C-alpha atoms as a PDB file:
ATOM      1  CA  GLY A   1     -30.314 192.315 -53.305  1.00  0.00           C
ATOM      2  CA  VAL A   2     -27.112 193.971 -54.431  1.00  0.00           C
ATOM      3  CA  ILE A   3     -26.189 197.230 -52.718  1.00  0.00           C
ATOM      4  CA  CYS A   4     -23.908 199.535 -54.665  1.00  0.00           C
ATOM      5  CA  THR A   5     -20.638 200.515 -52.995  1.00  0.00           C
ATOM      6  CA  GLY A   6     -21.746 204.119 -52.495  1.00  0.00           C
ATOM      7  CA  GLU A   7     -24.893 203.117 -50.631  1.00  0.00           C
ATOM      8  CA  SER A   8     -22.990 200.556 -48.575  1.00  0.00           C
ATOM      9  CA  ILE A   9     -20.373 203.114 -47.503  1.00  0.00           C
ATOM     10  CA  ARG A  10     -23.052 205.702 -46.709  1.00  0.00           C
ATOM     11  CA  LEU A  11     -25.057 203.192 -44.676  1.00  0.00           C
ATOM     12  CA  THR A  12     -21.966 202.105 -42.762  1.00  0.00           C
ATOM     13  CA  PHE A  13     -21.115 205.750 -42.033  1.00  0.00           C
ATOM     14  CA  VAL A  14     -24.624 206.500 -40.759  1.00  0.00           C
ATOM     15  CA  VAL A  15     -24.724 203.393 -38.560  1.00  0.00           C
ATOM     16  CA  SER A  16     -21.246 203.994 -37.139  1.00  0.00           C
ATOM     17  CA  ARG A  17     -22.046 207.648 -36.437  1.00  0.00           C
ATOM     18  CA  HIS A  18     -25.300 206.672 -34.720  1.00  0.00           C
ATOM     19  CA  GLY A  19     -23.458 204.094 -32.623  1.00  0.00           C
ATOM     20  CA  LEU A  20     -20.849 206.702 -31.676  1.00  0.00           C
ATOM     21  CA  GLU A  21     -23.571 209.138 -30.597  1.00  0.00           C
ATOM     22  CA  GLU A  22     -25.162 206.456 -28.411  1.00  0.00           C
ATOM     23  CA  TYR A  23     -21.748 205.650 -26.930  1.00  0.00           C
ATOM     24  CA  VAL A  24     -21.186 209.311 -26.044  1.00  0.00           C
ATOM     25  CA  GLU A  25     -24.650 209.529 -24.479  1.00  0.00           C
ATOM     26  CA  ASN A  26     -23.920 206.458 -22.349  1.00  0.00           C
ATOM     27  CA  MET A  27     -20.641 207.978 -21.154  1.00  0.00           C
ATOM     28  CA  LYS A  28     -22.400 211.043 -19.703  1.00  0.00           C
END
């Protein structure tokens, strides 16, 4: 399906933030 730009940006932000949180947890 087609994802509107707003949803795509929001999804990318959520995924990148989640990945960053996991990265920080792994660094501890």
